[in-house]
Amino acid sequence: QVQLVESGGGLAQPGESLRLSCTASGTIFSISIMGWYRQAPGKQRALVATINNGLWTHYADSVKGRFTISRDNAKNTVYLQMNSLKPEDTAVYYCYSQSRSMVDYWGQGTQVTVSS
């Protein structure tokens, strides 16, 4: 089992930055992919960014050039640096991990609100 705990959400004005963190515990040796998804009100949960053990990254088109995902394996932590935030980035952000046996794990979610 893997447990994921997010932090760093909050309120930002358009154009500002926030950084999300997610620390994994449990059977962390089994983790292959870590990443972030988000769910806006009335919408389905959608991929934001992922990073694998080889540090290969993948981003949703809507965040390319603005968001950066990174991973510190020594701290079992994945980060999401969000720059140039827009109101449409408002959502609950969920940390995600996938084990080598293709089991998915989710954090409890952290609210990000972008509003002037």
C-alpha atoms as a PDB file:
ATOM      1  CA  GLN A   1       0.000   0.000   0.000  1.00  0.00           C
ATOM      2  CA  VAL A   2       1.063   3.556  -0.722  1.00  0.00           C
ATOM      3  CA  GLN A   3      -0.192   6.598   1.144  1.00  0.00           C
ATOM      4  CA  LEU A   4      -0.018  10.034  -0.469  1.00  0.00           C
ATOM      5  CA  VAL A   5      -0.311  13.324   1.405  1.00  0.00           C
ATOM      6  CA  GLU A   6      -0.593  16.603  -0.488  1.00  0.00           C
ATOM      7  CA  SER A   7       0.135  20.126   0.686  1.00  0.00           C
ATOM      8  CA  GLY A   8       0.504  23.578  -0.779  1.00  0.00           C
ATOM      9  CA  GLY A   9      -2.895  24.416  -2.181  1.00  0.00           C
ATOM     10  CA  GLY A  10      -4.655  27.691  -1.535  1.00  0.00           C
ATOM     11  CA  LEU A  11      -5.804  30.923  -3.081  1.00  0.00           C
ATOM     12  CA  ALA A  12      -3.846  32.789  -5.739  1.00  0.00           C
ATOM     13  CA  GLN A  13      -4.549  35.696  -8.034  1.00  0.00           C
ATOM     14  CA  PRO A  14      -4.280  35.288 -11.806  1.00  0.00           C
ATOM     15  CA  GLY A  15      -0.644  35.355 -12.858  1.00  0.00           C
ATOM     16  CA  GLU A  16       0.661  34.259  -9.482  1.00  0.00           C
ATOM     17  CA  SER A  17       2.378  30.994  -8.572  1.00  0.00           C
ATOM     18  CA  LEU A  18       1.755  28.107  -6.202  1.00  0.00           C
ATOM     19  CA  ARG A  19       3.724  24.939  -5.498  1.00  0.00           C
ATOM     20  CA  LEU A  20       2.094  21.670  -4.547  1.00  0.00           C
ATOM     21  CA  SER A  21       3.927  18.893  -2.751  1.00  0.00           C
ATOM     22  CA  CYS A  22       3.018  15.250  -2.307  1.00  0.00           C
ATOM     23  CA  THR A  23       4.908  12.870  -0.048  1.00  0.00           C
ATOM     24  CA  ALA A  24       4.538   9.125  -0.373  1.00  0.00           C
ATOM     25  CA  SER A  25       4.847   6.559   2.382  1.00  0.00           C
ATOM     26  CA  GLY A  26       4.314   2.825   2.667  1.00  0.00           C
ATOM     27  CA  THR A  27       5.579   0.486  -0.055  1.00  0.00           C
ATOM     28  CA  ILE A  28       7.304   3.286  -1.883  1.00  0.00           C
ATOM     29  CA  PHE A  29       9.788   0.933  -3.554  1.00  0.00           C
ATOM     30  CA  SER A  30       6.899  -0.200  -5.750  1.00  0.00           C
ATOM     31  CA  ILE A  31       6.141   3.242  -7.157  1.00  0.00           C
ATOM     32  CA  SER A  32       6.766   3.693 -10.868  1.00  0.00           C
ATOM     33  CA  ILE A  33       4.859   6.815 -11.843  1.00  0.00           C
ATOM     34  CA  MET A  34       3.868   9.838  -9.772  1.00  0.00           C
ATOM     35  CA  GLY A  35       1.830  12.776 -10.870  1.00  0.00           C
ATOM     36  CA  TRP A  36      -1.058  15.151 -10.487  1.00  0.00           C
ATOM     37  CA  TYR A  37      -4.634  15.162 -11.651  1.00  0.00           C
ATOM     38  CA  ARG A  38      -7.275  17.824 -11.075  1.00  0.00           C
ATOM     39  CA  GLN A  39     -11.037  18.000 -10.920  1.00  0.00           C
ATOM     40  CA  ALA A  40     -12.920  21.223 -11.458  1.00  0.00           C
ATOM     41  CA  PRO A  41     -16.549  21.614 -10.350  1.00  0.00           C
ATOM     42  CA  GLY A  42     -18.860  19.759 -12.691  1.00  0.00           C
ATOM     43  CA  LYS A  43     -16.000  18.189 -14.639  1.00  0.00           C
ATOM     44  CA  GLN A  44     -14.251  14.845 -14.700  1.00  0.00           C
ATOM     45  CA  ARG A  45     -10.874  14.317 -13.099  1.00  0.00           C
ATOM     46  CA  ALA A  46      -8.167  15.079 -15.661  1.00  0.00           C
ATOM     47  CA  LEU A  47      -4.443  14.542 -15.939  1.00  0.00           C
ATOM     48  CA  VAL A  48      -2.199  17.518 -15.225  1.00  0.00           C
ATOM     49  CA  ALA A  49       1.302  16.041 -15.279  1.00  0.00           C
ATOM     50  CA  THR A  50       3.170  12.810 -14.574  1.00  0.00           C
ATOM     51  CA  ILE A  51       6.788  11.833 -14.016  1.00  0.00           C
ATOM     52  CA  ASN A  52       8.269   8.350 -14.025  1.00  0.00           C
ATOM     53  CA  ASN A  53      11.306   6.809 -12.361  1.00  0.00           C
ATOM     54  CA  GLY A  54      13.457   7.872 -15.274  1.00  0.00           C
ATOM     55  CA  LEU A  55      12.239  11.448 -14.739  1.00  0.00           C
ATOM     56  CA  TRP A  56      10.427  11.431 -18.081  1.00  0.00           C
ATOM     57  CA  THR A  57       7.597  13.941 -17.830  1.00  0.00           C
ATOM     58  CA  HIS A  58       4.225  14.332 -19.519  1.00  0.00           C
ATOM     59  CA  TYR A  59       1.934  17.372 -19.352  1.00  0.00           C
ATOM     60  CA  ALA A  60      -1.596  18.234 -20.332  1.00  0.00           C
ATOM     61  CA  ASP A  61      -1.611  20.737 -23.191  1.00  0.00           C
ATOM     62  CA  SER A  62      -3.427  23.253 -21.010  1.00  0.00           C
ATOM     63  CA  VAL A  63      -0.509  23.545 -18.569  1.00  0.00           C
ATOM     64  CA  LYS A  64       2.522  23.136 -20.845  1.00  0.00           C
ATOM     65  CA  GLY A  65       4.962  25.992 -20.381  1.00  0.00           C
ATOM     66  CA  ARG A  66       3.336  27.079 -17.124  1.00  0.00           C
ATOM     67  CA  PHE A  67       3.539  24.047 -14.807  1.00  0.00           C
ATOM     68  CA  THR A  68       6.602  21.996 -13.956  1.00  0.00           C
ATOM     69  CA  ILE A  69       6.559  18.593 -12.286  1.00  0.00           C
ATOM     70  CA  SER A  70       9.609  17.326 -10.437  1.00  0.00           C
ATOM     71  CA  ARG A  71      10.457  14.454  -8.150  1.00  0.00           C
ATOM     72  CA  ASP A  72      12.844  13.999  -5.230  1.00  0.00           C
ATOM     73  CA  ASN A  73      13.221  10.266  -4.742  1.00  0.00           C
ATOM     74  CA  ALA A  74      15.314  10.737  -1.601  1.00  0.00           C
ATOM     75  CA  LYS A  75      12.335  12.491   0.013  1.00  0.00           C
ATOM     76  CA  ASN A  76       9.686  10.338  -1.710  1.00  0.00           C
ATOM     77  CA  THR A  77       8.103  13.593  -2.826  1.00  0.00           C
ATOM     78  CA  VAL A  78       6.700  14.925  -6.069  1.00  0.00           C
ATOM     79  CA  TYR A  79       6.204  18.632  -6.684  1.00  0.00           C
ATOM     80  CA  LEU A  80       4.061  20.672  -9.026  1.00  0.00           C
ATOM     81  CA  GLN A  81       5.271  24.220  -9.605  1.00  0.00           C
ATOM     82  CA  MET A  82       2.382  26.209 -11.047  1.00  0.00           C
ATOM     83  CA  ASN A  83       3.224  29.554 -12.616  1.00  0.00           C
ATOM     84  CA  SER A  84       1.087  32.077 -14.488  1.00  0.00           C
ATOM     85  CA  LEU A  85      -2.028  30.680 -12.869  1.00  0.00           C
ATOM     86  CA  LYS A  86      -5.362  31.241 -14.585  1.00  0.00           C
ATOM     87  CA  PRO A  87      -8.906  31.110 -13.195  1.00  0.00           C
ATOM     88  CA  GLU A  88      -9.460  27.940 -15.223  1.00  0.00           C
ATOM     89  CA  ASP A  89      -6.771  26.235 -13.137  1.00  0.00           C
ATOM     90  CA  THR A  90      -9.172  26.322 -10.193  1.00  0.00           C
ATOM     91  CA  ALA A  91      -9.778  22.737  -9.107  1.00  0.00           C
ATOM     92  CA  VAL A  92      -9.083  20.126  -6.491  1.00  0.00           C
ATOM     93  CA  TYR A  93      -5.636  18.740  -7.239  1.00  0.00           C
ATOM     94  CA  TYR A  94      -4.983  15.079  -6.503  1.00  0.00           C
ATOM     95  CA  CYS A  95      -1.618  13.430  -6.135  1.00  0.00           C
ATOM     96  CA  TYR A  96      -1.354  10.135  -8.010  1.00  0.00           C
ATOM     97  CA  SER A  97       1.012   7.231  -8.050  1.00  0.00           C
ATOM     98  CA  GLN A  98       1.102   3.968  -9.933  1.00  0.00           C
ATOM     99  CA  SER A  99       3.013   0.926  -8.825  1.00  0.00           C
ATOM    100  CA  ARG A 100       4.993  -1.378 -11.084  1.00  0.00           C
ATOM    101  CA  SER A 101       2.082  -3.801 -10.814  1.00  0.00           C
ATOM    102  CA  MET A 102      -0.221  -1.098 -12.241  1.00  0.00           C
ATOM    103  CA  VAL A 103      -2.060  -0.344  -8.992  1.00  0.00           C
ATOM    104  CA  ASP A 104      -3.210   3.272  -8.701  1.00  0.00           C
ATOM    105  CA  TYR A 105      -3.103   5.294  -5.496  1.00  0.00           C
ATOM    106  CA  TRP A 106      -4.605   8.702  -4.796  1.00  0.00           C
ATOM    107  CA  GLY A 107      -4.141  11.448  -2.241  1.00  0.00           C
ATOM    108  CA  GLN A 108      -7.021  13.171  -0.520  1.00  0.00           C
ATOM    109  CA  GLY A 109      -6.828  16.257  -2.721  1.00  0.00           C
ATOM    110  CA  THR A 110      -5.937  19.890  -2.139  1.00  0.00           C
ATOM    111  CA  GLN A 111      -7.957  22.884  -3.305  1.00  0.00           C
ATOM    112  CA  VAL A 112      -6.406  25.440  -5.639  1.00  0.00           C
ATOM    113  CA  THR A 113      -8.450  28.567  -6.291  1.00  0.00           C
ATOM    114  CA  VAL A 114      -7.346  31.236  -8.750  1.00  0.00           C
ATOM    115  CA  SER A 115      -9.386  34.390  -8.455  1.00  0.00           C
ATOM    116  CA  SER A 116      -8.937  38.133  -8.335  1.00  0.00           C
END
